[in-house]
């Protein structure tokens, strides 16, 4: 994966990952009640909704979190 790939106005794949990864880690640690990813579709929607400024699906960002989630 190319974390340096430009996506939008100076934001790279790595920027988007770094921005939402702390929230993802909190959710998966079990510290956030009533939050989980029951399937890949839910994860995909969550990733797109949490990306700052750019709400379209970014395959590299989604695939990073998909691998990390072990869904």
N, C-alpha and C. Protein backbone atom coordinates (compact mmCIF):
# COMPACT_ATOMS: atom_id res chain seq x y z
N UNK A 1 0.84 -1.17 0.00
CA UNK A 1 0.00 0.00 0.00
C UNK A 1 0.90 1.24 0.00
N UNK A 2 0.51 2.21 -0.77
CA UNK A 2 1.24 3.47 -0.86
C UNK A 2 0.58 4.51 0.03
N UNK A 3 1.11 4.71 1.23
CA UNK A 3 0.56 5.68 2.17
C UNK A 3 0.72 7.11 1.67
N UNK A 4 1.62 7.32 0.71
CA UNK A 4 1.88 8.66 0.20
C UNK A 4 1.00 9.02 -1.00
N UNK A 5 0.14 8.12 -1.41
CA UNK A 5 -0.74 8.39 -2.55
C UNK A 5 -1.66 9.56 -2.22
N UNK A 6 -1.64 10.59 -3.07
CA UNK A 6 -2.47 11.78 -2.86
C UNK A 6 -3.93 11.45 -3.16
N UNK A 7 -4.81 11.85 -2.25
CA UNK A 7 -6.24 11.61 -2.43
C UNK A 7 -6.98 12.91 -2.70
N UNK A 8 -6.76 13.91 -1.85
CA UNK A 8 -7.55 15.12 -1.96
C UNK A 8 -6.87 16.27 -1.24
N UNK A 9 -6.63 17.37 -1.91
CA UNK A 9 -6.11 18.62 -1.36
C UNK A 9 -5.02 18.43 -0.31
N UNK A 10 -3.99 17.69 -0.65
CA UNK A 10 -2.87 17.49 0.24
C UNK A 10 -3.01 16.31 1.18
N UNK A 11 -4.17 15.71 1.22
CA UNK A 11 -4.40 14.54 2.07
C UNK A 11 -3.98 13.28 1.32
N UNK A 12 -3.22 12.45 2.01
CA UNK A 12 -2.76 11.18 1.44
C UNK A 12 -3.49 10.03 2.11
N UNK A 13 -3.30 8.85 1.57
CA UNK A 13 -3.86 7.64 2.19
C UNK A 13 -3.42 7.57 3.65
N UNK A 14 -2.15 7.82 3.89
CA UNK A 14 -1.61 7.77 5.25
C UNK A 14 -2.25 8.79 6.18
N UNK A 15 -2.54 9.98 5.67
CA UNK A 15 -3.20 11.01 6.48
C UNK A 15 -4.57 10.53 6.95
N UNK A 16 -5.34 9.96 6.03
CA UNK A 16 -6.67 9.47 6.39
C UNK A 16 -6.58 8.33 7.40
N UNK A 17 -5.65 7.42 7.20
CA UNK A 17 -5.46 6.31 8.13
C UNK A 17 -5.08 6.85 9.51
N UNK A 18 -4.11 7.72 9.55
CA UNK A 18 -3.64 8.27 10.83
C UNK A 18 -4.73 9.03 11.56
N UNK A 19 -5.61 9.68 10.82
CA UNK A 19 -6.67 10.48 11.43
C UNK A 19 -7.72 9.62 12.13
N UNK A 20 -8.08 8.49 11.53
CA UNK A 20 -9.17 7.69 12.12
C UNK A 20 -8.69 6.46 12.88
N UNK A 21 -7.42 6.14 12.81
CA UNK A 21 -6.92 4.94 13.49
C UNK A 21 -7.12 4.96 15.01
N UNK A 22 -6.91 6.09 15.71
CA UNK A 22 -7.15 6.07 17.16
C UNK A 22 -8.59 5.72 17.53
N UNK A 23 -9.54 6.19 16.74
CA UNK A 23 -10.95 5.88 17.00
C UNK A 23 -11.20 4.39 16.74
N UNK A 24 -10.66 3.90 15.64
CA UNK A 24 -10.79 2.48 15.31
C UNK A 24 -10.21 1.61 16.42
N UNK A 25 -9.03 1.97 16.91
CA UNK A 25 -8.39 1.19 17.97
C UNK A 25 -9.23 1.20 19.25
N UNK A 26 -9.83 2.34 19.56
CA UNK A 26 -10.67 2.43 20.75
C UNK A 26 -11.89 1.52 20.60
N UNK A 27 -12.49 1.53 19.42
CA UNK A 27 -13.66 0.69 19.17
C UNK A 27 -13.30 -0.78 19.31
N UNK A 28 -12.20 -1.17 18.74
CA UNK A 28 -11.82 -2.58 18.76
C UNK A 28 -11.22 -3.03 20.09
N UNK A 29 -10.90 -2.08 20.96
CA UNK A 29 -10.34 -2.46 22.26
C UNK A 29 -11.43 -2.90 23.24
N UNK A 30 -12.68 -2.63 22.87
CA UNK A 30 -13.78 -2.98 23.76
C UNK A 30 -14.14 -1.87 24.73
N UNK A 31 -13.45 -0.73 24.64
CA UNK A 31 -13.73 0.38 25.54
C UNK A 31 -14.92 1.22 25.11
N UNK A 32 -15.38 1.01 23.91
CA UNK A 32 -16.52 1.77 23.41
C UNK A 32 -17.73 0.84 23.35
N UNK A 33 -18.67 1.06 24.23
CA UNK A 33 -19.85 0.20 24.25
C UNK A 33 -20.74 0.45 23.04
N UNK A 34 -21.36 -0.61 22.58
CA UNK A 34 -22.33 -0.56 21.47
C UNK A 34 -21.72 -0.18 20.13
N UNK A 35 -20.42 -0.26 20.02
CA UNK A 35 -19.76 -0.01 18.75
C UNK A 35 -19.10 -1.30 18.32
N UNK A 36 -19.36 -1.71 17.13
CA UNK A 36 -18.65 -2.86 16.57
C UNK A 36 -18.89 -2.89 15.08
N UNK A 37 -18.21 -3.78 14.43
CA UNK A 37 -18.34 -3.92 12.99
C UNK A 37 -18.80 -5.35 12.72
N UNK A 38 -20.10 -5.54 12.57
CA UNK A 38 -20.62 -6.89 12.39
C UNK A 38 -20.25 -7.51 11.04
N UNK A 39 -19.92 -6.67 10.06
CA UNK A 39 -19.58 -7.19 8.74
C UNK A 39 -18.76 -6.16 7.97
N UNK A 40 -18.30 -6.56 6.82
CA UNK A 40 -17.45 -5.69 5.99
C UNK A 40 -18.17 -4.44 5.51
N UNK A 41 -19.46 -4.59 5.20
CA UNK A 41 -20.23 -3.44 4.72
C UNK A 41 -20.32 -2.35 5.80
N UNK A 42 -20.53 -2.77 7.03
CA UNK A 42 -20.61 -1.81 8.14
C UNK A 42 -19.26 -1.12 8.34
N UNK A 43 -18.20 -1.87 8.24
CA UNK A 43 -16.86 -1.29 8.36
C UNK A 43 -16.62 -0.28 7.24
N UNK A 44 -16.99 -0.64 6.02
CA UNK A 44 -16.79 0.25 4.87
C UNK A 44 -17.54 1.57 5.06
N UNK A 45 -18.78 1.49 5.52
CA UNK A 45 -19.57 2.70 5.77
C UNK A 45 -18.92 3.55 6.87
N UNK A 46 -18.47 2.88 7.92
CA UNK A 46 -17.86 3.60 9.04
C UNK A 46 -16.59 4.33 8.59
N UNK A 47 -15.73 3.63 7.87
CA UNK A 47 -14.48 4.24 7.42
C UNK A 47 -14.77 5.50 6.59
N UNK A 48 -15.67 5.40 5.63
CA UNK A 48 -15.99 6.55 4.78
C UNK A 48 -16.59 7.69 5.61
N UNK A 49 -17.43 7.37 6.59
CA UNK A 49 -18.07 8.42 7.38
C UNK A 49 -17.10 9.11 8.33
N UNK A 50 -16.06 8.42 8.76
CA UNK A 50 -15.10 8.99 9.70
C UNK A 50 -13.97 9.76 9.04
N UNK A 51 -13.78 9.59 7.76
CA UNK A 51 -12.73 10.31 7.04
C UNK A 51 -13.05 11.80 7.07
N UNK A 52 -12.11 12.63 7.51
CA UNK A 52 -12.38 14.06 7.50
C UNK A 52 -12.40 14.61 6.08
N UNK A 53 -13.33 15.49 5.80
CA UNK A 53 -13.42 16.25 4.55
C UNK A 53 -13.83 15.44 3.33
N UNK A 54 -13.42 14.20 3.23
CA UNK A 54 -13.61 13.40 2.02
C UNK A 54 -14.42 12.17 2.38
N UNK A 55 -15.67 12.13 1.95
CA UNK A 55 -16.58 11.07 2.39
C UNK A 55 -16.80 9.98 1.35
N UNK A 56 -15.96 9.95 0.34
CA UNK A 56 -16.05 8.88 -0.66
C UNK A 56 -15.19 7.70 -0.23
N UNK A 57 -15.53 6.53 -0.73
CA UNK A 57 -14.78 5.30 -0.44
C UNK A 57 -13.36 5.41 -0.98
N UNK A 58 -12.38 5.18 -0.11
CA UNK A 58 -10.98 5.14 -0.52
C UNK A 58 -10.53 3.70 -0.30
N UNK A 59 -10.37 2.92 -1.36
CA UNK A 59 -10.07 1.49 -1.21
C UNK A 59 -8.87 1.19 -0.32
N UNK A 60 -7.80 1.96 -0.44
CA UNK A 60 -6.61 1.68 0.37
C UNK A 60 -6.87 1.87 1.86
N UNK A 61 -7.64 2.89 2.20
CA UNK A 61 -7.95 3.14 3.61
C UNK A 61 -8.86 2.04 4.14
N UNK A 62 -9.89 1.71 3.39
CA UNK A 62 -10.80 0.63 3.79
C UNK A 62 -10.04 -0.69 3.93
N UNK A 63 -9.21 -1.02 2.97
CA UNK A 63 -8.47 -2.30 3.03
C UNK A 63 -7.52 -2.36 4.22
N UNK A 64 -6.95 -1.24 4.58
CA UNK A 64 -6.08 -1.19 5.76
C UNK A 64 -6.87 -1.58 7.01
N UNK A 65 -8.05 -0.99 7.19
CA UNK A 65 -8.85 -1.27 8.37
C UNK A 65 -9.52 -2.64 8.29
N UNK A 66 -9.81 -3.09 7.10
CA UNK A 66 -10.37 -4.43 6.93
C UNK A 66 -9.35 -5.48 7.42
N UNK A 67 -8.12 -5.32 7.00
CA UNK A 67 -7.07 -6.24 7.43
C UNK A 67 -6.88 -6.17 8.94
N UNK A 68 -6.89 -4.97 9.46
CA UNK A 68 -6.68 -4.77 10.89
C UNK A 68 -7.84 -5.34 11.72
N UNK A 69 -9.05 -5.30 11.16
CA UNK A 69 -10.23 -5.78 11.88
C UNK A 69 -10.38 -7.30 11.87
N UNK A 70 -9.70 -7.94 10.93
CA UNK A 70 -9.76 -9.38 10.76
C UNK A 70 -11.17 -9.90 10.48
N UNK A 71 -11.98 -9.09 9.77
CA UNK A 71 -13.33 -9.51 9.38
C UNK A 71 -13.27 -10.54 8.26
